[in-house]
Every structure is written in C-alpha cells, then in structure tokens.
C-alpha cells in the first residue's frame, strides 16, 4: 500500500509545524494494514514523527524533514533510555515490527537550535539541557534504514535500542564538528544487525555499539553485528564498542572500512561491568590526528581499555580480539590500558602496519583514559569526571604522560603473553622525538589511578 503525504495537506515551507499531518498520515497507513508513506519534495518542520507496525517512511529526493527547535514538540516520542538526561526523539518507534526509513531525502536535526554559538576554552559548545535524538527505534524488530541522508543532529543520530534483525545501509550522516555527543550510529543492546555502505561524518563516535543502563526486560547483550564497507570521519572514535557497557558484547565483526582524519580509530572500552569478546576487525584503513581537547583520545589508532568509572562497579573483561590487515597513519599510538592484570587478554594483531607522524601538538606524548574513576570526585556518574582539572594541573584527570615519550604500542597492566603482535610493522617519522622503545609494557604507573 502506497500513501502520499500530500493527501493530508502539509505545509512544506520549513516554518509551519506538520506534526499532526504526519500523525494522521501514519495512522491512516497503519489502519490499512501498513505500507509506504511517501513524502514528496519540500521542507517539513515537525515534532515527533512516530511510526507504527508495518509502516515505512519514504523520503523522496528533495524532501527534508526538519526537527522543531522546541524540545517540547517531541513529547510523543519518549525513550526509556536517557541520553544526557534527554528522552525525546524526532523520528520514533517503540515496540514496532517492520518499520523503517527509505529514499533519497534528508532529515535535518536542527543542531544549532540546541547548542551554544560560542565554544569554551576546550572547544566545547555547551548544549541545551534537553535536546532530541534524531532517530530512536526502541524494542523494534525487522528494521530497515536505507539510502537516506541525515544532517546536523543535535544529539545521537541513529539510536537503535534493544532492537533485533535490522539493516542500516547506504546512509549518509553529516553532522557539524562544532557539536559534541552526536554519534552517527548507536546500536544499543541490539542483536542481528548489519551496517553497510554508510558514509559518516560526525564530531562524536561513528559506529558505536553500547549496552546502556535499561529496564530488565530491555537489558540484553549486543551481539551478532556486522559493520562493513563504511567511510568514517570522526572527532571521537570511528568504530567503537562501549563506553556504556552494562551488558556484554559478543560475536561482532568490523570489515572493509576506511577511517580518515579521526581522533581515534578502533576503540574497545569496558567501564560498567560488561564483557567484550569474540570481536574481529579486518581490512581497515585508519588515519588519526589530534582534535580539540573536549574530545576523548589522543589520536589513538587502536584503543583498548578496561577500567571502572565508578568505584563500586567493576569493569568487564576484554578477550578474544583479532585485528588483521590494518593500515595506519597516526599522530598517536596503539594503546592498551587495564585497571589490573587479567582484564585484557588474548589480543591478536596480525599484519598491522603503523606509520607514526611527527607533529607539535601540545598534548603530544600524552594518553587519555577518560572517563576514569576519579578519587577526587564524590560522584563519578555521567561525564563530569572526564573534564575535572585539579588545582595546579593543566590537563583533565585521566590524561597522563607516557613514560619516556610517545611509543608505537603502549600496554599498561597487561601481560606480554596476552598481546600477540604477528607480522606487524611500526615506523616513526624521522626528526621527531620518540620513546626509545617502540613497544612498551608497564605496570602500576605513578600518576595513573589504580583501584
């Protein structure tokens, strides 16, 4: 069944709200047993657009959905999972089956309406206390998001929460580098998903797998995921598992991706108790460089870390990880950081080639384990502990100096037998200062907090 939005008389001028137009149109398609709601060319300002079972929203070339600048206009799309204290979504589905977004059109998240115009000294533009995620599908099954473009998300862009059997393909995300926490694709406790052929340009994570804190019925591992053939440009982590890790991650594959001009390349981060295991990365090209201090990371090409963020909640174990056929150009290093021995094990790097570039960034020679458990904070929840600068210090807690300079590979509190470097090649640009050892294993560093 095919229904044209024009049958419901929208005002496609980019100024008048069309929330009720979409509500009536989707209700009509649903009452007919489902089908495609066709959105013709035009600029449609709207609050929450809530999909029903068996309803696909098709955005034609020239169609643009624009998020309202008023957060209250999204009260119909309420997630059970908070994102920085916000719960509302622009395009929303909850507990639905066979839902999706298709077509050559565009979704505009209207980020400038929800962020400060001027950045602070760390390059951080303070966002509004409440701002909508652009797309939230929660507890849905048989999800498809294909061919659309999304720009200027004010918060996480595509947030899939406890969904099963989904495909996100040939999607373009272009978010401004001015605004933080604008992850392109978040698979949060999802199962059986494929992400392929996407082009992602964002200030925060590119493709991020997470297991956030949820109600018991929604709390499940993130597993059976394939991310393939994507182009990613990120000022945070391009391909990431964590930081939110309240449940496990397993059976995950990343392949055939190109990461350019990013802060971090590949990141596995356990902070909240969830284990990360059986993960592979193959045929990945990585380019990393320093970005603004508000972003976590110091141009790490590969970053694997198991540290708690709260004293009372141990982190999980990261194990059975394979990275093969990886080509790297980086201003930083490959980093492994564990709170104690035994938390990171059975890591294999095969045919990894890293060329490190010299530069004069003021943070050269530092590594970044934010968000850490900070003994100087009474409450380590949220992100507050990631930006605390103690009196007499110049960097946030969790940003430390490498001993003896920047190496190629740095491993902290990890046994040498747990990281296998096979057929790897590390080169460093002449004329710059480097650690006298390319591969460094250390334990119990002074200055880095051990719990």
Protein backbone atom coordinates (compact mmCIF):
# COMPACT_ATOMS: atom_id res chain seq x y z
CA UNK A 1 0.00 0.00 0.00
CA UNK A 2 1.30 3.43 -1.03
CA UNK A 3 0.07 6.69 0.51
CA UNK A 4 1.14 10.22 -0.45
CA UNK A 5 1.64 12.74 2.36
CA UNK A 6 0.12 15.41 0.11
CA UNK A 7 -3.26 13.77 0.67
CA UNK A 8 -3.10 15.21 4.22
CA UNK A 9 -2.28 18.79 3.12
CA UNK A 10 1.12 19.50 4.71
CA UNK A 11 2.69 22.96 4.62
CA UNK A 12 6.16 22.24 3.24
CA UNK A 13 7.72 25.67 3.80
CA UNK A 14 10.15 24.79 6.61
CA UNK A 15 8.36 27.14 9.05
CA UNK A 16 4.94 25.70 9.88
CA UNK A 17 4.70 22.58 12.05
CA UNK A 18 3.48 19.41 10.35
CA UNK A 19 3.46 17.13 13.40
CA UNK A 20 -0.27 16.47 13.21
CA UNK A 21 -0.09 15.92 9.44
CA UNK A 22 2.41 13.09 9.92
CA UNK A 23 0.39 11.68 12.81
CA UNK A 24 -2.78 11.46 10.73
CA UNK A 25 -0.99 10.09 7.68
CA UNK A 26 0.80 7.35 9.63
CA UNK A 27 -2.44 6.42 11.42
CA UNK A 28 -4.15 6.03 8.04
CA UNK A 29 -1.38 3.82 6.65
CA UNK A 30 -1.44 1.72 9.81
CA UNK A 31 -5.22 1.31 9.69
CA UNK A 32 -4.86 -0.08 6.17
CA UNK A 33 -2.54 -2.79 7.47
CA UNK A 34 0.67 -0.91 6.75
CA UNK A 35 2.55 0.30 3.71
CA UNK A 36 4.74 3.13 2.48
CA UNK A 37 4.12 6.77 3.37
CA UNK A 38 5.62 8.77 0.51
CA UNK A 39 6.98 12.22 1.38
CA UNK A 40 7.23 14.41 -1.76
CA UNK A 41 9.81 17.19 -2.22
CA UNK A 42 9.50 20.02 0.28
CA UNK A 43 10.77 21.20 3.68
CA UNK A 44 8.67 19.78 6.52
CA UNK A 45 9.16 21.21 10.01
CA UNK A 46 7.83 18.78 12.61
CA UNK A 47 7.87 17.49 16.14
CA UNK A 48 7.91 13.75 16.84
CA UNK A 49 7.05 11.50 13.89
CA UNK A 50 6.03 8.17 15.44
CA UNK A 51 5.95 5.08 13.22
CA UNK A 52 3.56 2.16 13.63
CA UNK A 53 3.82 -1.53 12.73
CA UNK A 54 4.49 -2.21 9.04
CA UNK A 55 4.92 1.48 8.18
CA UNK A 56 7.88 2.62 6.08
CA UNK A 57 8.59 6.32 5.64
CA UNK A 58 9.90 7.06 2.13
CA UNK A 59 11.64 10.42 1.69
CA UNK A 60 11.79 11.38 -1.97
CA UNK A 61 14.74 13.29 -3.43
CA UNK A 62 14.19 16.91 -2.39
CA UNK A 63 12.20 16.03 0.74
CA UNK A 64 13.65 17.35 4.00
CA UNK A 65 12.27 16.65 7.47
CA UNK A 66 13.36 19.41 9.87
CA UNK A 67 13.31 18.95 13.63
CA UNK A 68 11.42 21.61 15.55
CA UNK A 69 13.60 24.00 17.59
CA UNK A 70 11.28 23.41 20.58
CA UNK A 71 12.10 20.32 22.64
CA UNK A 72 8.52 20.09 23.93
CA UNK A 73 7.33 19.31 20.38
CA UNK A 74 8.86 15.82 20.72
CA UNK A 75 6.86 14.66 23.74
CA UNK A 76 5.13 11.92 21.72
CA UNK A 77 8.42 10.10 21.13
CA UNK A 78 9.68 9.15 24.59
CA UNK A 79 12.51 6.68 25.02
CA UNK A 80 13.02 4.68 28.21
CA UNK A 81 16.78 5.20 27.86
CA UNK A 82 18.23 8.58 28.76
CA UNK A 83 20.88 10.33 26.70
CA UNK A 84 22.49 13.02 28.85
CA UNK A 85 19.18 13.40 30.68
CA UNK A 86 17.09 13.72 27.49
CA UNK A 87 14.45 11.19 26.47
CA UNK A 88 12.71 12.54 23.36
CA UNK A 89 13.21 11.55 19.74
CA UNK A 90 12.37 13.16 16.39
CA UNK A 91 11.69 10.03 14.29
CA UNK A 92 10.48 7.42 16.78
CA UNK A 93 9.21 3.85 17.03
CA UNK A 94 8.64 1.81 20.18
CA UNK A 95 7.89 -1.92 20.22
CA UNK A 96 7.12 -1.99 16.50
CA UNK A 97 7.82 -4.51 13.75
CA UNK A 98 8.73 -3.97 10.10
CA UNK A 99 9.47 -0.25 10.33
CA UNK A 100 11.99 1.91 8.56
CA UNK A 101 13.21 4.93 6.65
CA UNK A 102 13.88 4.82 2.91
CA UNK A 103 14.57 7.09 -0.03
CA UNK A 104 16.93 9.79 -1.26
CA UNK A 105 15.60 12.53 1.01
CA UNK A 106 17.08 14.21 4.06
CA UNK A 107 16.48 14.51 7.81
CA UNK A 108 17.71 17.73 9.42
CA UNK A 109 18.21 17.52 13.19
CA UNK A 110 18.47 21.32 13.56
CA UNK A 111 21.51 21.14 15.88
CA UNK A 112 22.17 24.91 16.00
CA UNK A 113 18.86 25.37 17.84
CA UNK A 114 20.12 23.21 20.72
CA UNK A 115 23.76 24.29 21.18
CA UNK A 116 25.70 27.36 22.25
CA UNK A 117 27.07 29.51 19.45
CA UNK A 118 30.47 30.07 21.11
CA UNK A 119 32.90 27.33 22.19
CA UNK A 120 34.71 27.31 25.55
CA UNK A 121 38.49 27.05 26.05
CA UNK A 122 38.40 23.26 25.43
CA UNK A 123 36.50 23.69 22.16
CA UNK A 124 33.23 22.55 23.78
CA UNK A 125 29.96 24.20 22.74
CA UNK A 126 27.61 23.73 25.65
CA UNK A 127 24.39 22.01 24.56
CA UNK A 128 20.94 22.68 25.95
CA UNK A 129 19.99 20.61 28.99
CA UNK A 130 17.44 18.81 26.81
CA UNK A 131 17.75 18.06 23.10
CA UNK A 132 16.22 15.36 20.91
CA UNK A 133 17.92 12.37 19.33
CA UNK A 134 17.25 12.37 15.60
CA UNK A 135 16.04 8.76 15.22
CA UNK A 136 15.13 6.35 18.04
CA UNK A 137 13.89 2.83 17.35
CA UNK A 138 13.36 1.02 20.66
CA UNK A 139 12.42 -2.66 21.13
CA UNK A 140 11.71 -2.97 17.41
CA UNK A 141 12.14 -5.94 15.10
CA UNK A 142 12.81 -6.10 11.36
CA UNK A 143 14.20 -2.59 10.96
CA UNK A 144 15.48 -1.10 7.70
CA UNK A 145 17.11 2.30 7.23
CA UNK A 146 18.38 2.74 3.70
CA UNK A 147 19.74 5.45 1.38
CA UNK A 148 18.61 8.49 3.42
CA UNK A 149 20.81 11.42 4.46
CA UNK A 150 20.88 12.97 7.94
CA UNK A 151 22.47 16.32 8.78
CA UNK A 152 23.05 18.41 11.91
CA UNK A 153 21.89 16.00 14.58
CA UNK A 154 21.77 17.78 17.98
CA UNK A 155 22.36 14.51 19.86
CA UNK A 156 22.84 10.83 18.91
CA UNK A 157 21.76 10.46 15.29
CA UNK A 158 20.51 6.87 14.81
CA UNK A 159 19.88 5.22 18.19
CA UNK A 160 18.72 1.62 17.94
CA UNK A 161 17.76 0.38 21.43
CA UNK A 162 17.22 -3.34 22.17
CA UNK A 163 16.23 -3.97 18.55
CA UNK A 164 16.60 -7.23 16.62
CA UNK A 165 17.10 -8.05 12.94
CA UNK A 166 17.98 -4.75 11.34
CA UNK A 167 19.81 -3.30 8.38
CA UNK A 168 21.29 0.18 8.02
CA UNK A 169 22.73 0.59 4.54
CA UNK A 170 23.96 3.36 2.25
CA UNK A 171 23.09 6.02 4.82
CA UNK A 172 24.92 9.35 4.83
CA UNK A 173 25.34 11.26 8.10
CA UNK A 174 26.92 14.71 8.04
CA UNK A 175 26.95 16.33 11.46
CA UNK A 176 28.80 19.50 12.35
CA UNK A 177 32.15 19.11 14.13
CA UNK A 178 31.07 22.02 16.34
CA UNK A 179 28.74 19.93 18.49
CA UNK A 180 29.61 17.03 20.81
CA UNK A 181 27.84 13.74 21.57
CA UNK A 182 26.42 13.48 18.07
CA UNK A 183 27.21 9.79 17.45
CA UNK A 184 26.24 8.76 13.93
CA UNK A 185 25.03 5.18 14.55
CA UNK A 186 24.45 3.67 18.01
CA UNK A 187 23.47 0.01 18.32
CA UNK A 188 22.48 -0.23 21.97
CA UNK A 189 21.88 -3.79 23.16
CA UNK A 190 20.91 -4.83 19.62
CA UNK A 191 21.10 -8.27 18.01
CA UNK A 192 21.45 -9.46 14.42
CA UNK A 193 22.23 -6.13 12.73
CA UNK A 194 24.12 -5.23 9.57
CA UNK A 195 25.57 -1.75 8.95
CA UNK A 196 26.98 -1.43 5.44
CA UNK A 197 27.96 1.13 2.84
CA UNK A 198 27.46 4.13 5.13
CA UNK A 199 29.30 7.47 4.99
CA UNK A 200 29.56 9.00 8.45
CA UNK A 201 30.94 12.46 9.27
CA UNK A 202 30.48 13.46 12.90
CA UNK A 203 32.12 15.09 15.91
CA UNK A 204 31.46 12.07 18.10
CA UNK A 205 31.56 8.30 17.54
CA UNK A 206 30.98 6.95 14.03
CA UNK A 207 29.54 3.48 14.65
CA UNK A 208 29.20 2.80 18.37
CA UNK A 209 27.97 -0.41 19.97
CA UNK A 210 26.83 0.12 23.54
CA UNK A 211 24.80 -1.51 26.31
CA UNK A 212 23.34 1.33 28.32
CA UNK A 213 21.51 1.05 31.62
CA UNK A 214 17.95 -0.20 30.93
CA UNK A 215 14.88 -1.82 32.45
CA UNK A 216 15.31 -5.57 32.97
CA UNK A 217 13.09 -6.59 30.03
CA UNK A 218 15.22 -4.50 27.65
CA UNK A 219 18.60 -5.40 29.11
CA UNK A 220 20.39 -7.70 26.69
CA UNK A 221 23.82 -8.26 25.20
CA UNK A 222 24.86 -6.59 21.96
CA UNK A 223 25.65 -9.49 19.62
CA UNK A 224 25.80 -10.82 16.09
CA UNK A 225 26.71 -7.50 14.48
CA UNK A 226 28.42 -6.85 11.14
CA UNK A 227 29.79 -3.42 10.19
CA UNK A 228 31.15 -3.46 6.64
CA UNK A 229 32.32 -1.14 3.89
CA UNK A 230 31.83 2.18 5.70
CA UNK A 231 33.65 5.51 5.34
CA UNK A 232 34.04 7.33 8.67
CA UNK A 233 35.35 10.74 9.68
CA UNK A 234 35.05 11.24 13.45
CA UNK A 235 36.43 13.59 16.09
CA UNK A 236 35.94 10.83 18.64
CA UNK A 237 36.11 7.06 17.97
CA UNK A 238 35.33 5.95 14.43
CA UNK A 239 34.48 2.31 15.25
CA UNK A 240 33.75 1.70 18.91
CA UNK A 241 32.39 -0.74 21.47
CA UNK A 242 31.46 0.98 24.79
CA UNK A 243 31.84 3.26 26.74
CA UNK A 244 28.40 2.35 28.14
CA UNK A 245 28.90 -1.34 28.91
CA UNK A 246 26.31 -2.55 31.42
CA UNK A 247 25.84 -5.80 29.48
CA UNK A 248 28.07 -7.93 27.27
CA UNK A 249 29.23 -7.65 23.64
CA UNK A 250 29.98 -10.74 21.56
CA UNK A 251 30.30 -12.07 18.03
CA UNK A 252 30.97 -8.76 16.31
CA UNK A 253 32.81 -8.12 13.04
CA UNK A 254 34.09 -4.89 11.51
CA UNK A 255 35.50 -5.14 7.97
CA UNK A 256 36.48 -3.20 4.85
CA UNK A 257 36.20 0.27 6.40
CA UNK A 258 38.13 3.49 5.77
CA UNK A 259 38.67 5.84 8.72
CA UNK A 260 40.04 9.29 7.85
CA UNK A 261 41.00 12.41 9.77
CA UNK A 262 39.69 10.97 13.05
CA UNK A 263 40.65 11.29 16.70
CA UNK A 264 40.51 7.56 17.46
CA UNK A 265 40.31 4.69 15.01
CA UNK A 266 39.25 1.44 16.69
CA UNK A 267 38.12 1.53 20.33
CA UNK A 268 37.00 -1.15 22.80
CA UNK A 269 36.04 0.41 26.14
CA UNK A 270 34.71 -1.53 29.15
CA UNK A 271 33.70 0.63 32.10
CA UNK A 272 30.44 -0.68 33.61
CA UNK A 273 30.76 -4.45 34.04
CA UNK A 274 30.01 -5.83 30.58
CA UNK A 275 32.49 -8.20 28.92
CA UNK A 276 33.66 -7.67 25.32
CA UNK A 277 34.61 -10.89 23.50
CA UNK A 278 34.86 -12.51 20.09
CA UNK A 279 35.39 -9.31 18.11
CA UNK A 280 37.27 -9.04 14.82
CA UNK A 281 38.50 -6.14 12.70
CA UNK A 282 39.74 -6.92 9.18
CA UNK A 283 40.92 -4.83 6.25
CA UNK A 284 40.67 -1.42 7.91
CA UNK A 285 42.49 1.76 6.85
CA UNK A 286 42.99 4.26 9.69
CA UNK A 287 44.15 7.87 9.80
CA UNK A 288 44.14 9.57 13.21
CA UNK A 289 45.16 13.04 14.32
CA UNK A 290 44.69 15.31 17.32
CA UNK A 291 41.40 17.18 17.70
CA UNK A 292 40.05 19.68 20.25
CA UNK A 293 40.71 18.81 23.94
CA UNK A 294 36.98 18.36 24.61
CA UNK A 295 37.10 15.07 22.69
CA UNK A 296 38.38 11.97 24.49
CA UNK A 297 41.50 10.46 22.95
CA UNK A 298 44.95 11.50 21.76
CA UNK A 299 44.98 10.38 18.13
CA UNK A 300 44.99 6.70 19.16
CA UNK A 301 44.87 4.42 16.14
CA UNK A 302 43.75 1.49 18.33
CA UNK A 303 42.50 1.89 21.90
CA UNK A 304 41.52 -1.00 24.18
CA UNK A 305 40.77 -0.24 27.83
CA UNK A 306 39.18 -1.95 30.84
CA UNK A 307 38.84 0.41 33.80
CA UNK A 308 35.92 1.13 36.09
CA UNK A 309 34.33 4.56 36.06
CA UNK A 310 32.68 4.09 39.48
CA UNK A 311 34.50 2.63 42.46
CA UNK A 312 31.64 0.31 43.43
CA UNK A 313 31.15 -1.19 39.96
CA UNK A 314 33.99 -3.29 38.46
CA UNK A 315 34.59 -3.15 34.74
CA UNK A 316 34.31 -6.18 32.47
CA UNK A 317 36.89 -8.33 30.70
CA UNK A 318 38.01 -7.80 27.09
CA UNK A 319 39.17 -11.01 25.38
CA UNK A 320 39.42 -12.94 22.12
CA UNK A 321 40.01 -9.89 19.91
CA UNK A 322 41.57 -10.13 16.44
CA UNK A 323 42.76 -7.22 14.31
CA UNK A 324 44.13 -8.16 10.90
CA UNK A 325 45.23 -6.37 7.74
CA UNK A 326 45.16 -2.92 9.33
CA UNK A 327 46.97 0.04 7.71
CA UNK A 328 47.55 3.09 9.91
CA UNK A 329 48.84 6.67 9.63
CA UNK A 330 48.69 8.24 13.06
CA UNK A 331 49.84 11.11 15.25
CA UNK A 332 49.22 8.90 18.30
CA UNK A 333 49.87 5.31 19.36
CA UNK A 334 48.23 1.92 19.78
CA UNK A 335 47.03 1.82 23.40
CA UNK A 336 46.02 -0.95 25.82
CA UNK A 337 45.04 0.08 29.37
CA UNK A 338 43.79 -2.21 32.15
CA UNK A 339 42.95 -1.42 35.73
CA UNK A 340 44.75 -4.62 36.72
CA UNK A 341 46.24 -7.69 35.10
CA UNK A 342 43.78 -10.23 33.68
CA UNK A 343 41.21 -7.78 32.34
CA UNK A 344 42.58 -7.64 28.78
CA UNK A 345 43.64 -10.95 27.26
CA UNK A 346 44.01 -12.92 24.06
CA UNK A 347 44.52 -9.93 21.76
CA UNK A 348 45.99 -10.70 18.34
CA UNK A 349 47.27 -8.10 15.88
CA UNK A 350 48.20 -9.64 12.54
CA UNK A 351 49.63 -7.77 9.56
CA UNK A 352 49.20 -4.37 11.19
CA UNK A 353 51.29 -1.58 9.65
CA UNK A 354 51.50 1.73 11.52
CA UNK A 355 53.33 4.86 10.32
CA UNK A 356 53.54 7.48 13.08
CA UNK A 357 53.77 11.13 12.07
CA UNK A 358 55.72 13.82 13.88
CA UNK A 359 53.89 16.95 15.00
CA UNK A 360 53.99 19.72 17.61
CA UNK A 361 50.58 19.43 19.27
CA UNK A 362 50.79 20.42 22.98
CA UNK A 363 49.27 17.07 24.00
CA UNK A 364 51.84 15.02 22.09
CA UNK A 365 53.25 12.40 24.45
CA UNK A 366 50.04 12.03 26.47
CA UNK A 367 47.45 9.27 26.63
CA UNK A 368 43.79 9.56 27.61
CA UNK A 369 41.79 7.05 29.69
CA UNK A 370 38.71 9.19 30.27
CA UNK A 371 36.20 8.62 31.77
CA UNK A 372 38.18 7.16 34.68
CA UNK A 373 37.25 6.57 38.28
CA UNK A 374 38.43 9.80 39.87
CA UNK A 375 39.11 9.66 43.64
CA UNK A 376 38.77 13.44 43.78
CA UNK A 377 35.12 13.26 42.68
CA UNK A 378 32.39 12.27 45.13
CA UNK A 379 30.21 11.05 42.25
CA UNK A 380 31.77 9.55 39.13
CA UNK A 381 28.47 9.11 37.32
CA UNK A 382 27.86 10.65 33.93
CA UNK A 383 30.66 12.55 32.22
CA UNK A 384 31.52 15.06 34.96
CA UNK A 385 34.67 13.20 35.94
CA UNK A 386 36.01 13.40 32.39
CA UNK A 387 36.61 17.15 32.46
CA UNK A 388 37.82 17.79 36.02
CA UNK A 389 41.12 19.70 36.14
CA UNK A 390 42.62 19.68 39.62
CA UNK A 391 44.28 22.73 41.12
CA UNK A 392 47.84 23.01 39.90
CA UNK A 393 47.23 20.76 36.89
CA UNK A 394 46.82 21.73 33.23
CA UNK A 395 45.02 18.66 31.87
CA UNK A 396 41.83 16.82 32.86
CA UNK A 397 42.02 13.88 35.24
CA UNK A 398 42.67 10.79 33.13
CA UNK A 399 45.07 12.46 30.68
CA UNK A 400 48.61 11.34 31.55
CA UNK A 401 52.13 11.46 30.14
CA UNK A 402 53.70 8.38 28.60
CA UNK A 403 56.89 7.46 30.48
CA UNK A 404 59.88 8.35 28.27
CA UNK A 405 57.89 9.69 25.34
CA UNK A 406 55.47 8.52 22.66
CA UNK A 407 55.86 4.83 21.69
CA UNK A 408 54.27 2.88 18.85
CA UNK A 409 52.45 0.48 21.19
CA UNK A 410 51.74 1.08 24.88
CA UNK A 411 50.31 -1.57 27.23
CA UNK A 412 49.51 -0.86 30.88
CA UNK A 413 48.82 -3.66 33.37
CA UNK A 414 48.72 -6.36 30.69
CA UNK A 415 50.91 -9.45 30.46
CA UNK A 416 53.11 -9.60 27.37
CA UNK A 417 51.75 -13.03 26.53
CA UNK A 418 48.21 -11.61 26.17
CA UNK A 419 49.03 -9.32 23.23
CA UNK A 420 50.40 -11.06 20.15
CA UNK A 421 51.99 -8.85 17.51
CA UNK A 422 52.35 -11.00 14.39
CA UNK A 423 53.78 -9.70 11.11
CA UNK A 424 53.43 -6.11 12.35
CA UNK A 425 55.49 -3.14 11.18
CA UNK A 426 55.89 0.14 13.07
CA UNK A 427 57.68 3.15 11.57
CA UNK A 428 58.20 6.61 13.07
CA UNK A 429 58.88 9.84 11.21
CA UNK A 430 62.46 10.99 11.36
CA UNK A 431 63.22 14.31 13.01
CA UNK A 432 60.71 13.84 15.86
CA UNK A 433 61.34 12.58 19.38
CA UNK A 434 60.03 9.11 20.24
CA UNK A 435 60.14 6.66 23.11
CA UNK A 436 63.41 4.68 22.89
CA UNK A 437 61.29 1.52 22.86
CA UNK A 438 58.64 1.11 20.17
CA UNK A 439 56.61 -1.41 22.19
CA UNK A 440 56.23 -0.62 25.90
CA UNK A 441 54.69 -2.81 28.63
CA UNK A 442 54.39 -1.20 32.09
CA UNK A 443 52.64 -1.89 35.40
CA UNK A 444 51.47 0.34 38.26
CA UNK A 445 52.27 3.68 36.71
CA UNK A 446 52.79 6.55 39.12
CA UNK A 447 50.14 9.17 38.43
CA UNK A 448 47.65 6.82 36.82
CA UNK A 449 44.98 5.70 39.26
CA UNK A 450 44.87 2.02 40.14
CA UNK A 451 41.94 0.67 42.15
